[in-house]
Structures are given as structure tokens and as C-alpha cells.
Amino acid sequence: LINNNSLYDFYCNHFSELQNFKRFTDKSLQNFVFMDFIISIFPKAKFIHCTRDIKENIIGIFKQQFDNVPWAHTIEDILEYTDEYLKLMKILNKKYKTNILEINYSNLITNKEKETKKLFNFLNLKWSNKIFDFSTKSFFTNTSSKHQIKEGINKKHLNKYYDYYFVLDKFKEKYSWLDL
């Protein structure tokens, strides 16, 4: 019974601090599940689909111990959720080609200028090499990675969990994407 305009108004009023911003970022892990809904309210919404070695994601999620994320407490649940995520993202990437840009973490680390230019172009923003100066206090973030952001783009977290990949070996038969 609620139309998209009233949902848009509700969202903007509920998050009144967003009224001062032309753009904002929501890093919620579950955004991909609501992509159809979000795009119905915000047709110009852009999604940056950040990817990295899937094994890094799985072990990182397990290690983080997200208390409020029910599927993140066992490796088995994380793998099942990841499998569904990969299936859905395959569909969404086809359906919303102009709304989604995939940025691969390894590519960003090894070629940060090229990848950030691609990102800025997608977002219709003017690129400047000043974006690599993370000493500025002119940005706001309220995420679990806020301290990591200030470190800048670096190789520190590339293959961070490599020594733990063996934990996933017994699941390779069920999830062929673990072999990639």
C-alpha cells in the first residue's frame, strides 16, 4: 500500500543527517539482497560491488564474529550464505548493468589509480590524486573498518588469511567456487 515516493520520503526523513549530503555510502552486508527494492526507491542508486578472494571473505567474516549476523557464526553457514550470495549477484549483475560496478580488491591494490578512476567515472565524480591522502579529517565514517581506512590503500591485508585456507578444503566438493 505504500508507494515508492512515500518510502523515499520516509527514508530521507528517518535519516535526516543525509539531507546535507548529495551522496552517501551504506556498507551494510545485506544490501545486495535488497537491490531490487533500493533501486525501486532510488532509481539512480549506484552499487559498488567490492570483491576479493572469496576465501578471504569467508575466513574474515568468521574471524570477525559479527554478533548480530546469524549466518556468520559457523563456517558452514557462511559458506551456504556465500553460495546464495554468488548466485544472486550473478543475476543482479545482469539485471542492473548500469547500477553496479565491480571493484576487485587485488586490482585496486595493484593498480589503484586505474581502479579509482574507473570508480569515479562510474559515480560521475571528478578524480584527483588527492584521494590517496588519508590524513584528512574531511570525511566521516562509522564502520568497523574506520581505522583501516586511515591506513590508505596498501598490501597489508592482501591474502591476510592465506594460512587458514586449509579449513575450507573439505568443502570444495560442495562449493566448486572455492577452487578458484
N, C-alpha and C. Protein backbone atom coordinates (compact mmCIF):
# COMPACT_ATOMS: atom_id res chain seq x y z
N LEU A 1 0.81 -1.20 0.00
CA LEU A 1 0.00 0.00 0.00
C LEU A 1 0.85 1.27 0.00
N ILE A 2 2.10 1.11 0.28
CA ILE A 2 2.99 2.26 0.31
C ILE A 2 3.64 2.40 -1.05
N ASN A 3 3.63 3.61 -1.59
CA ASN A 3 4.27 3.79 -2.90
C ASN A 3 5.74 4.20 -2.71
N ASN A 4 6.46 4.17 -3.80
CA ASN A 4 7.89 4.45 -3.72
C ASN A 4 8.19 5.86 -3.25
N ASN A 5 7.34 6.83 -3.60
CA ASN A 5 7.57 8.21 -3.16
C ASN A 5 7.47 8.32 -1.64
N SER A 6 6.51 7.66 -1.05
CA SER A 6 6.39 7.74 0.41
C SER A 6 7.55 7.00 1.08
N LEU A 7 8.04 5.92 0.49
CA LEU A 7 9.21 5.23 1.04
C LEU A 7 10.44 6.11 0.92
N TYR A 8 10.56 6.79 -0.19
CA TYR A 8 11.68 7.71 -0.39
C TYR A 8 11.62 8.81 0.68
N ASP A 9 10.46 9.40 0.87
CA ASP A 9 10.30 10.45 1.88
C ASP A 9 10.60 9.92 3.28
N PHE A 10 10.09 8.72 3.58
CA PHE A 10 10.34 8.12 4.89
C PHE A 10 11.84 7.95 5.10
N TYR A 11 12.51 7.40 4.11
CA TYR A 11 13.95 7.14 4.22
C TYR A 11 14.70 8.45 4.46
N CYS A 12 14.39 9.47 3.68
CA CYS A 12 15.09 10.75 3.81
C CYS A 12 14.79 11.42 5.15
N ASN A 13 13.55 11.31 5.61
CA ASN A 13 13.20 11.90 6.90
C ASN A 13 13.77 11.12 8.07
N HIS A 14 13.77 9.80 7.94
CA HIS A 14 14.29 8.95 9.01
C HIS A 14 15.80 9.14 9.19
N PHE A 15 16.48 9.38 8.10
CA PHE A 15 17.92 9.61 8.14
C PHE A 15 18.19 11.07 7.80
N SER A 16 17.69 11.95 8.64
CA SER A 16 17.73 13.39 8.37
C SER A 16 19.16 13.90 8.17
N GLU A 17 20.15 13.25 8.80
CA GLU A 17 21.53 13.70 8.61
C GLU A 17 21.98 13.57 7.17
N LEU A 18 21.28 12.73 6.39
CA LEU A 18 21.65 12.55 4.99
C LEU A 18 21.21 13.72 4.12
N GLN A 19 20.32 14.54 4.61
CA GLN A 19 19.82 15.66 3.81
C GLN A 19 20.92 16.66 3.49
N ASN A 20 21.99 16.65 4.24
CA ASN A 20 23.11 17.56 3.98
C ASN A 20 24.09 17.01 2.95
N PHE A 21 23.87 15.78 2.51
CA PHE A 21 24.79 15.14 1.59
C PHE A 21 24.12 14.83 0.26
N LYS A 22 24.85 15.08 -0.80
CA LYS A 22 24.36 14.72 -2.13
C LYS A 22 24.50 13.22 -2.35
N ARG A 23 25.54 12.65 -1.73
CA ARG A 23 25.83 11.23 -1.85
C ARG A 23 26.13 10.67 -0.47
N PHE A 24 25.85 9.40 -0.30
CA PHE A 24 26.24 8.73 0.92
C PHE A 24 26.50 7.27 0.60
N THR A 25 27.20 6.62 1.50
CA THR A 25 27.55 5.22 1.32
C THR A 25 26.99 4.40 2.45
N ASP A 26 26.39 3.29 2.10
CA ASP A 26 25.88 2.35 3.09
C ASP A 26 26.57 1.03 2.83
N LYS A 27 27.43 0.60 3.75
CA LYS A 27 28.23 -0.61 3.57
C LYS A 27 27.58 -1.85 4.17
N SER A 28 26.30 -1.83 4.40
CA SER A 28 25.65 -2.98 5.03
C SER A 28 25.89 -4.25 4.22
N LEU A 29 26.20 -5.31 4.92
CA LEU A 29 26.49 -6.58 4.25
C LEU A 29 25.30 -7.12 3.45
N GLN A 30 24.10 -6.78 3.84
CA GLN A 30 22.91 -7.34 3.20
C GLN A 30 22.32 -6.47 2.09
N ASN A 31 22.97 -5.39 1.70
CA ASN A 31 22.40 -4.51 0.68
C ASN A 31 22.07 -5.23 -0.62
N PHE A 32 22.88 -6.20 -1.00
CA PHE A 32 22.65 -6.88 -2.27
C PHE A 32 21.29 -7.58 -2.29
N VAL A 33 20.82 -8.05 -1.14
CA VAL A 33 19.53 -8.74 -1.05
C VAL A 33 18.38 -7.77 -1.36
N PHE A 34 18.58 -6.52 -1.04
CA PHE A 34 17.53 -5.51 -1.20
C PHE A 34 17.72 -4.64 -2.44
N MET A 35 18.57 -5.05 -3.35
CA MET A 35 18.88 -4.22 -4.50
C MET A 35 17.65 -3.86 -5.32
N ASP A 36 16.77 -4.82 -5.58
CA ASP A 36 15.53 -4.51 -6.33
C ASP A 36 14.73 -3.42 -5.61
N PHE A 37 14.58 -3.58 -4.33
CA PHE A 37 13.83 -2.63 -3.51
C PHE A 37 14.50 -1.26 -3.48
N ILE A 38 15.81 -1.23 -3.26
CA ILE A 38 16.54 0.04 -3.20
C ILE A 38 16.43 0.77 -4.53
N ILE A 39 16.60 0.07 -5.63
CA ILE A 39 16.53 0.70 -6.95
C ILE A 39 15.11 1.17 -7.26
N SER A 40 14.10 0.48 -6.73
CA SER A 40 12.73 0.95 -6.95
C SER A 40 12.49 2.29 -6.25
N ILE A 41 13.17 2.52 -5.13
CA ILE A 41 13.04 3.79 -4.41
C ILE A 41 14.01 4.84 -4.94
N PHE A 42 15.24 4.41 -5.19
CA PHE A 42 16.30 5.29 -5.67
C PHE A 42 16.80 4.76 -7.02
N PRO A 43 16.09 5.07 -8.11
CA PRO A 43 16.46 4.51 -9.42
C PRO A 43 17.89 4.84 -9.87
N LYS A 44 18.46 5.91 -9.35
CA LYS A 44 19.81 6.30 -9.72
C LYS A 44 20.86 5.72 -8.77
N ALA A 45 20.44 4.86 -7.86
CA ALA A 45 21.37 4.27 -6.89
C ALA A 45 22.50 3.55 -7.63
N LYS A 46 23.67 3.69 -7.09
CA LYS A 46 24.85 3.02 -7.63
C LYS A 46 25.36 2.05 -6.58
N PHE A 47 25.75 0.89 -7.02
CA PHE A 47 26.26 -0.14 -6.13
C PHE A 47 27.70 -0.45 -6.52
N ILE A 48 28.58 -0.35 -5.56
CA ILE A 48 29.96 -0.72 -5.77
C ILE A 48 30.10 -2.12 -5.16
N HIS A 49 30.24 -3.07 -6.03
CA HIS A 49 30.35 -4.47 -5.60
C HIS A 49 31.82 -4.78 -5.42
N CYS A 50 32.27 -4.71 -4.18
CA CYS A 50 33.68 -4.96 -3.87
C CYS A 50 33.89 -6.46 -3.69
N THR A 51 34.82 -6.97 -4.45
CA THR A 51 35.10 -8.40 -4.38
C THR A 51 36.57 -8.60 -4.02
N ARG A 52 36.85 -9.75 -3.47
CA ARG A 52 38.22 -10.19 -3.22
C ARG A 52 38.20 -11.71 -3.20
N ASP A 53 39.31 -12.31 -2.97
CA ASP A 53 39.35 -13.76 -2.90
C ASP A 53 38.27 -14.21 -1.93
N ILE A 54 37.36 -15.03 -2.42
CA ILE A 54 36.19 -15.44 -1.64
C ILE A 54 36.60 -16.13 -0.34
N LYS A 55 37.73 -16.83 -0.37
CA LYS A 55 38.22 -17.50 0.85
C LYS A 55 38.60 -16.46 1.91
N GLU A 56 39.14 -15.34 1.48
CA GLU A 56 39.47 -14.25 2.40
C GLU A 56 38.19 -13.71 3.06
N ASN A 57 37.15 -13.55 2.25
CA ASN A 57 35.88 -13.08 2.80
C ASN A 57 35.33 -14.03 3.85
N ILE A 58 35.30 -15.29 3.52
CA ILE A 58 34.71 -16.29 4.41
C ILE A 58 35.45 -16.35 5.74
N ILE A 59 36.74 -16.45 5.68
CA ILE A 59 37.53 -16.54 6.91
C ILE A 59 37.48 -15.21 7.68
N GLY A 60 37.49 -14.10 6.96
CA GLY A 60 37.39 -12.80 7.60
C GLY A 60 36.07 -12.61 8.33
N ILE A 61 34.98 -13.04 7.71
CA ILE A 61 33.66 -12.95 8.36
C ILE A 61 33.63 -13.83 9.60
N PHE A 62 34.12 -15.03 9.48
CA PHE A 62 34.14 -15.95 10.62
C PHE A 62 34.99 -15.38 11.77
N LYS A 63 36.13 -14.84 11.43
CA LYS A 63 37.04 -14.28 12.43
C LYS A 63 36.43 -13.04 13.12
N GLN A 64 35.69 -12.26 12.37
CA GLN A 64 35.13 -11.01 12.91
C GLN A 64 34.08 -11.25 13.99
N GLN A 65 33.41 -12.40 13.95
CA GLN A 65 32.39 -12.72 14.96
C GLN A 65 31.30 -11.65 15.02
N PHE A 66 30.61 -11.43 13.91
CA PHE A 66 29.50 -10.48 13.87
C PHE A 66 28.36 -11.01 14.73
N ASP A 67 28.17 -10.43 15.90
CA ASP A 67 27.15 -10.90 16.84
C ASP A 67 25.74 -10.83 16.28
N ASN A 68 25.45 -9.80 15.51
CA ASN A 68 24.09 -9.58 15.02
C ASN A 68 23.83 -10.15 13.64
N VAL A 69 24.73 -10.97 13.15
CA VAL A 69 24.58 -11.58 11.83
C VAL A 69 24.46 -13.09 12.04
N PRO A 70 23.23 -13.60 12.04
CA PRO A 70 23.01 -15.00 12.41
C PRO A 70 23.70 -16.03 11.53
N TRP A 71 23.97 -15.72 10.27
CA TRP A 71 24.60 -16.68 9.37
C TRP A 71 26.13 -16.66 9.48
N ALA A 72 26.69 -15.83 10.36
CA ALA A 72 28.13 -15.64 10.41
C ALA A 72 28.81 -16.34 11.59
N HIS A 73 28.17 -17.33 12.16
CA HIS A 73 28.71 -17.94 13.38
C HIS A 73 29.41 -19.29 13.13
N THR A 74 29.14 -19.90 11.99
CA THR A 74 29.83 -21.15 11.66
C THR A 74 30.32 -21.06 10.21
N ILE A 75 31.38 -21.78 9.93
CA ILE A 75 31.91 -21.82 8.56
C ILE A 75 30.84 -22.37 7.62
N GLU A 76 30.10 -23.38 8.05
CA GLU A 76 29.06 -23.99 7.21
C GLU A 76 27.99 -22.97 6.82
N ASP A 77 27.54 -22.19 7.79
CA ASP A 77 26.52 -21.17 7.50
C ASP A 77 27.07 -20.07 6.60
N ILE A 78 28.29 -19.68 6.84
CA ILE A 78 28.91 -18.64 6.00
C ILE A 78 29.04 -19.14 4.56
N LEU A 79 29.43 -20.38 4.39
CA LEU A 79 29.56 -20.95 3.04
C LEU A 79 28.21 -21.02 2.34
N GLU A 80 27.18 -21.44 3.05
CA GLU A 80 25.84 -21.52 2.46
C GLU A 80 25.35 -20.13 2.05
N TYR A 81 25.55 -19.17 2.92
CA TYR A 81 25.16 -17.79 2.63
C TYR A 81 25.94 -17.26 1.43
N THR A 82 27.24 -17.53 1.42
CA THR A 82 28.10 -17.10 0.31
C THR A 82 27.65 -17.71 -1.00
N ASP A 83 27.26 -18.96 -0.99
CA ASP A 83 26.78 -19.63 -2.19
C ASP A 83 25.53 -18.92 -2.73
N GLU A 84 24.60 -18.61 -1.85
CA GLU A 84 23.39 -17.90 -2.26
C GLU A 84 23.72 -16.49 -2.76
N TYR A 85 24.63 -15.84 -2.08
CA TYR A 85 25.09 -14.50 -2.48
C TYR A 85 25.66 -14.53 -3.90
N LEU A 86 26.53 -15.50 -4.19
CA LEU A 86 27.14 -15.59 -5.52
C LEU A 86 26.09 -15.84 -6.60
N LYS A 87 25.12 -16.68 -6.31
CA LYS A 87 24.03 -16.94 -7.27
C LYS A 87 23.22 -15.68 -7.53
N LEU A 88 22.86 -14.97 -6.46
CA LEU A 88 22.05 -13.76 -6.61
C LEU A 88 22.84 -12.66 -7.32
N MET A 89 24.11 -12.50 -6.99
CA MET A 89 24.90 -11.44 -7.63
C MET A 89 25.05 -11.70 -9.13
N LYS A 90 25.10 -12.94 -9.53
CA LYS A 90 25.17 -13.26 -10.96
C LYS A 90 23.92 -12.73 -11.67
N ILE A 91 22.77 -12.91 -11.06
CA ILE A 91 21.51 -12.42 -11.61
C ILE A 91 21.46 -10.89 -11.59
N LEU A 92 21.81 -10.30 -10.45
CA LEU A 92 21.75 -8.84 -10.30
C LEU A 92 22.72 -8.13 -11.23
N ASN A 93 23.90 -8.69 -11.43
CA ASN A 93 24.87 -8.07 -12.34
C ASN A 93 24.33 -8.00 -13.77
N LYS A 94 23.55 -8.98 -14.17
CA LYS A 94 22.93 -8.95 -15.50
C LYS A 94 21.76 -7.96 -15.53
N LYS A 95 20.98 -7.96 -14.48
CA LYS A 95 19.77 -7.15 -14.43
C LYS A 95 20.07 -5.65 -14.30
N TYR A 96 21.10 -5.30 -13.53
CA TYR A 96 21.40 -3.89 -13.23
C TYR A 96 22.80 -3.50 -13.69
N LYS A 97 23.08 -3.74 -14.95
CA LYS A 97 24.41 -3.47 -15.50
C LYS A 97 24.85 -2.02 -15.30
N THR A 98 23.93 -1.08 -15.38
CA THR A 98 24.30 0.34 -15.26
C THR A 98 24.34 0.81 -13.81
N ASN A 99 23.85 0.01 -12.89
CA ASN A 99 23.81 0.40 -11.48
C ASN A 99 24.92 -0.23 -10.64
N ILE A 100 25.61 -1.23 -11.21
CA ILE A 100 26.61 -1.96 -10.43
C ILE A 100 27.98 -1.87 -11.10
N LEU A 101 28.96 -1.56 -10.28
CA LEU A 101 30.35 -1.61 -10.72
C LEU A 101 31.09 -2.55 -9.79
N GLU A 102 31.79 -3.50 -10.36
CA GLU A 102 32.59 -4.41 -9.55
C GLU A 102 34.01 -3.88 -9.45
N ILE A 103 34.46 -3.76 -8.23
CA ILE A 103 35.84 -3.38 -7.96
C ILE A 103 36.49 -4.53 -7.21
N ASN A 104 37.53 -5.09 -7.80
CA ASN A 104 38.23 -6.20 -7.16
C ASN A 104 39.35 -5.64 -6.29
N TYR A 105 39.40 -6.13 -5.07
CA TYR A 105 40.37 -5.65 -4.07
C TYR A 105 41.81 -5.78 -4.56
N SER A 106 42.16 -6.93 -5.10
CA SER A 106 43.53 -7.15 -5.59
C SER A 106 43.87 -6.17 -6.70
N ASN A 107 42.93 -5.95 -7.62
CA ASN A 107 43.16 -4.98 -8.70
C ASN A 107 43.32 -3.57 -8.16
N LEU A 108 42.54 -3.24 -7.15
CA LEU A 108 42.64 -1.91 -6.53
C LEU A 108 44.01 -1.73 -5.88
N ILE A 109 44.47 -2.74 -5.21
CA ILE A 109 45.77 -2.66 -4.54
C ILE A 109 46.91 -2.53 -5.54
N THR A 110 46.86 -3.31 -6.61
CA THR A 110 47.96 -3.33 -7.57
C THR A 110 47.90 -2.21 -8.60
N ASN A 111 46.72 -1.62 -8.81
CA ASN A 111 46.59 -0.55 -9.79
C ASN A 111 45.57 0.48 -9.30
N LYS A 112 45.89 1.12 -8.19
CA LYS A 112 44.92 1.98 -7.52
C LYS A 112 44.47 3.16 -8.38
N GLU A 113 45.34 3.73 -9.16
CA GLU A 113 44.94 4.88 -9.98
C GLU A 113 43.91 4.47 -11.03
N LYS A 114 44.19 3.41 -11.77
CA LYS A 114 43.27 2.94 -12.80
C LYS A 114 41.91 2.56 -12.21
N GLU A 115 41.93 1.81 -11.11
CA GLU A 115 40.67 1.35 -10.50
C GLU A 115 39.88 2.49 -9.88
N THR A 116 40.55 3.45 -9.26
CA THR A 116 39.80 4.57 -8.68
C THR A 116 39.26 5.49 -9.77
N LYS A 117 39.97 5.62 -10.86
CA LYS A 117 39.44 6.41 -11.99
C LYS A 117 38.18 5.75 -12.54
N LYS A 118 38.20 4.43 -12.63
CA LYS A 118 37.02 3.69 -13.09
C LYS A 118 35.84 3.93 -12.13
N LEU A 119 36.13 3.88 -10.85
CA LEU A 119 35.11 4.11 -9.83
C LEU A 119 34.55 5.53 -9.91
N PHE A 120 35.42 6.52 -9.98
CA PHE A 120 34.97 7.91 -10.05
C PHE A 120 34.17 8.17 -11.32
N ASN A 121 34.58 7.59 -12.42
CA ASN A 121 33.83 7.72 -13.66
C ASN A 121 32.43 7.14 -13.50
N PHE A 122 32.33 5.98 -12.90
CA PHE A 122 31.04 5.33 -12.67
C PHE A 122 30.12 6.20 -11.81
N LEU A 123 30.70 6.88 -10.84
CA LEU A 123 29.93 7.73 -9.92
C LEU A 123 29.78 9.17 -10.42
N ASN A 124 30.29 9.44 -11.61
CA ASN A 124 30.24 10.79 -12.18
C ASN A 124 30.88 11.82 -11.25
N LEU A 125 32.04 11.45 -10.73
CA LEU A 125 32.80 12.33 -9.85
C LEU A 125 34.11 12.70 -10.51
N LYS A 126 34.62 13.85 -10.13
CA LYS A 126 35.91 14.29 -10.65
C LYS A 126 37.01 13.61 -9.85
N TRP A 127 37.92 12.95 -10.56
CA TRP A 127 39.01 12.24 -9.92
C TRP A 127 40.18 13.18 -9.66
N SER A 128 40.86 12.97 -8.57
CA SER A 128 42.08 13.70 -8.24
C SER A 128 42.98 12.77 -7.45
N ASN A 129 44.28 12.89 -7.63
CA ASN A 129 45.18 12.03 -6.86
C ASN A 129 45.17 12.39 -5.37
N LYS A 130 44.49 13.45 -5.00
CA LYS A 130 44.35 13.82 -3.58
C LYS A 130 43.53 12.78 -2.81
N ILE A 131 42.82 11.94 -3.53
CA ILE A 131 42.03 10.92 -2.84
C ILE A 131 42.90 9.91 -2.10
N PHE A 132 44.17 9.89 -2.43
CA PHE A 132 45.08 8.96 -1.77
C PHE A 132 45.69 9.54 -0.50
N ASP A 133 45.31 10.75 -0.14
CA ASP A 133 45.77 11.37 1.11
C ASP A 133 44.74 11.05 2.19
N PHE A 134 45.04 10.08 3.01
CA PHE A 134 44.11 9.63 4.04
C PHE A 134 44.35 10.33 5.38
N SER A 135 45.17 11.36 5.37
CA SER A 135 45.41 12.09 6.61
C SER A 135 44.35 13.15 6.87
N THR A 136 43.52 13.40 5.89
CA THR A 136 42.49 14.43 6.02
C THR A 136 41.41 14.03 7.02
N LYS A 137 40.83 15.00 7.63
CA LYS A 137 39.73 14.75 8.57
C LYS A 137 38.40 15.17 7.95
N SER A 138 38.39 15.35 6.64
CA SER A 138 37.20 15.87 5.98
C SER A 138 36.20 14.79 5.60
N PHE A 139 36.46 13.54 5.96
CA PHE A 139 35.48 12.50 5.67
C PHE A 139 34.99 11.90 6.97
N PHE A 140 33.79 11.34 6.89
CA PHE A 140 33.17 10.73 8.06
C PHE A 140 32.85 9.29 7.74
N THR A 141 33.16 8.42 8.65
CA THR A 141 32.78 7.02 8.50
C THR A 141 32.46 6.47 9.88
N ASN A 142 31.53 5.54 9.90
CA ASN A 142 31.15 4.91 11.15
C ASN A 142 31.04 3.40 10.91
N THR A 143 32.16 2.81 10.51
CA THR A 143 32.17 1.38 10.21
C THR A 143 33.26 0.69 11.01
N SER A 144 33.20 -0.63 11.02
CA SER A 144 34.23 -1.39 11.74
C SER A 144 35.59 -1.26 11.07
N SER A 145 35.63 -0.78 9.84
CA SER A 145 36.90 -0.63 9.14
C SER A 145 37.41 0.81 9.16
N LYS A 146 36.88 1.64 10.04
CA LYS A 146 37.26 3.06 10.03
C LYS A 146 38.75 3.28 10.29
N HIS A 147 39.36 2.44 11.11
CA HIS A 147 40.81 2.59 11.36
C HIS A 147 41.61 2.10 10.16
N GLN A 148 41.11 1.07 9.51
CA GLN A 148 41.77 0.54 8.32
C GLN A 148 41.76 1.57 7.20
N ILE A 149 40.70 2.35 7.09
CA ILE A 149 40.59 3.37 6.04
C ILE A 149 41.74 4.36 6.13
N LYS A 150 42.07 4.78 7.32
CA LYS A 150 43.12 5.79 7.51
C LYS A 150 44.51 5.27 7.13
N GLU A 151 44.66 3.95 7.00
CA GLU A 151 45.93 3.37 6.57
C GLU A 151 46.18 3.56 5.08
N GLY A 152 45.12 3.91 4.34
CA GLY A 152 45.26 4.07 2.91
C GLY A 152 45.24 2.74 2.18
N ILE A 153 45.42 2.81 0.89
CA ILE A 153 45.42 1.60 0.06
C ILE A 153 46.80 0.98 0.16
N ASN A 154 46.84 -0.25 0.67
CA ASN A 154 48.12 -0.92 0.84
C ASN A 154 47.94 -2.44 0.74
N LYS A 155 49.04 -3.15 0.69
CA LYS A 155 49.01 -4.60 0.52
C LYS A 155 48.91 -5.36 1.85
N LYS A 156 48.81 -4.65 2.93
CA LYS A 156 48.83 -5.25 4.27
C LYS A 156 47.78 -6.36 4.44
N HIS A 157 46.60 -6.17 3.86
CA HIS A 157 45.52 -7.12 4.07
C HIS A 157 45.30 -8.06 2.88
N LEU A 158 46.17 -8.00 1.90
CA LEU A 158 46.10 -8.89 0.75
C LEU A 158 46.55 -10.29 1.18
N ASN A 159 45.70 -11.27 0.95
CA ASN A 159 45.98 -12.66 1.36
C ASN A 159 46.26 -12.79 2.85
N LYS A 160 45.55 -11.99 3.60
CA LYS A 160 45.73 -11.94 5.06
C LYS A 160 45.47 -13.30 5.73
N TYR A 161 44.52 -14.06 5.20
CA TYR A 161 44.12 -15.32 5.83
C TYR A 161 44.60 -16.55 5.08
N TYR A 162 45.58 -16.38 4.22
CA TYR A 162 46.07 -17.47 3.38
C TYR A 162 46.41 -18.73 4.19
N ASP A 163 47.00 -18.56 5.33
CA ASP A 163 47.42 -19.69 6.16
C ASP A 163 46.23 -20.49 6.71
N TYR A 164 45.02 -19.95 6.56
CA TYR A 164 43.83 -20.62 7.09
C TYR A 164 42.95 -21.23 6.00
N TYR A 165 43.36 -21.12 4.75
CA TYR A 165 42.56 -21.65 3.64
C TYR A 165 42.28 -23.14 3.78
N PHE A 166 43.19 -23.86 4.41
CA PHE A 166 43.03 -25.31 4.56
C PHE A 166 41.71 -25.67 5.26
N VAL A 167 41.20 -24.77 6.08
CA VAL A 167 39.94 -25.01 6.79
C VAL A 167 38.80 -25.24 5.80
N LEU A 168 38.92 -24.65 4.62
CA LEU A 168 37.86 -24.72 3.62
C LEU A 168 38.00 -25.92 2.67
N ASP A 169 39.11 -26.60 2.73
CA ASP A 169 39.38 -27.70 1.80
C ASP A 169 38.27 -28.75 1.78
N LYS A 170 37.76 -29.12 2.92
CA LYS A 170 36.76 -30.19 2.97
C LYS A 170 35.42 -29.78 2.35
N PHE A 171 35.26 -28.50 2.02
CA PHE A 171 34.01 -28.02 1.43
C PHE A 171 34.11 -27.80 -0.09
N LYS A 172 35.28 -28.04 -0.67
CA LYS A 172 35.50 -27.77 -2.10
C LYS A 172 34.62 -28.62 -3.00
N GLU A 173 34.28 -29.81 -2.57
CA GLU A 173 33.44 -30.67 -3.39
C GLU A 173 32.02 -30.09 -3.50
N LYS A 174 31.52 -29.55 -2.42
CA LYS A 174 30.17 -28.98 -2.41
C LYS A 174 30.14 -27.61 -3.08
N TYR A 175 31.20 -26.82 -2.91
CA TYR A 175 31.25 -25.46 -3.44
C TYR A 175 32.43 -25.33 -4.41
N SER A 176 32.17 -25.53 -5.66
CA SER A 176 33.25 -25.54 -6.66
C SER A 176 33.97 -24.18 -6.74
N TRP A 177 33.27 -23.11 -6.37
CA TRP A 177 33.89 -21.79 -6.43
C TRP A 177 35.02 -21.64 -5.41
N LEU A 178 35.16 -22.53 -4.47
CA LEU A 178 36.28 -22.48 -3.52
C LEU A 178 37.59 -22.87 -4.19
N ASP A 179 37.52 -23.54 -5.34
CA ASP A 179 38.72 -23.94 -6.07
C ASP A 179 39.30 -22.82 -6.92
N LEU A 180 38.57 -21.74 -7.07
CA LEU A 180 39.03 -20.66 -7.96
C LEU A 180 40.20 -19.89 -7.35
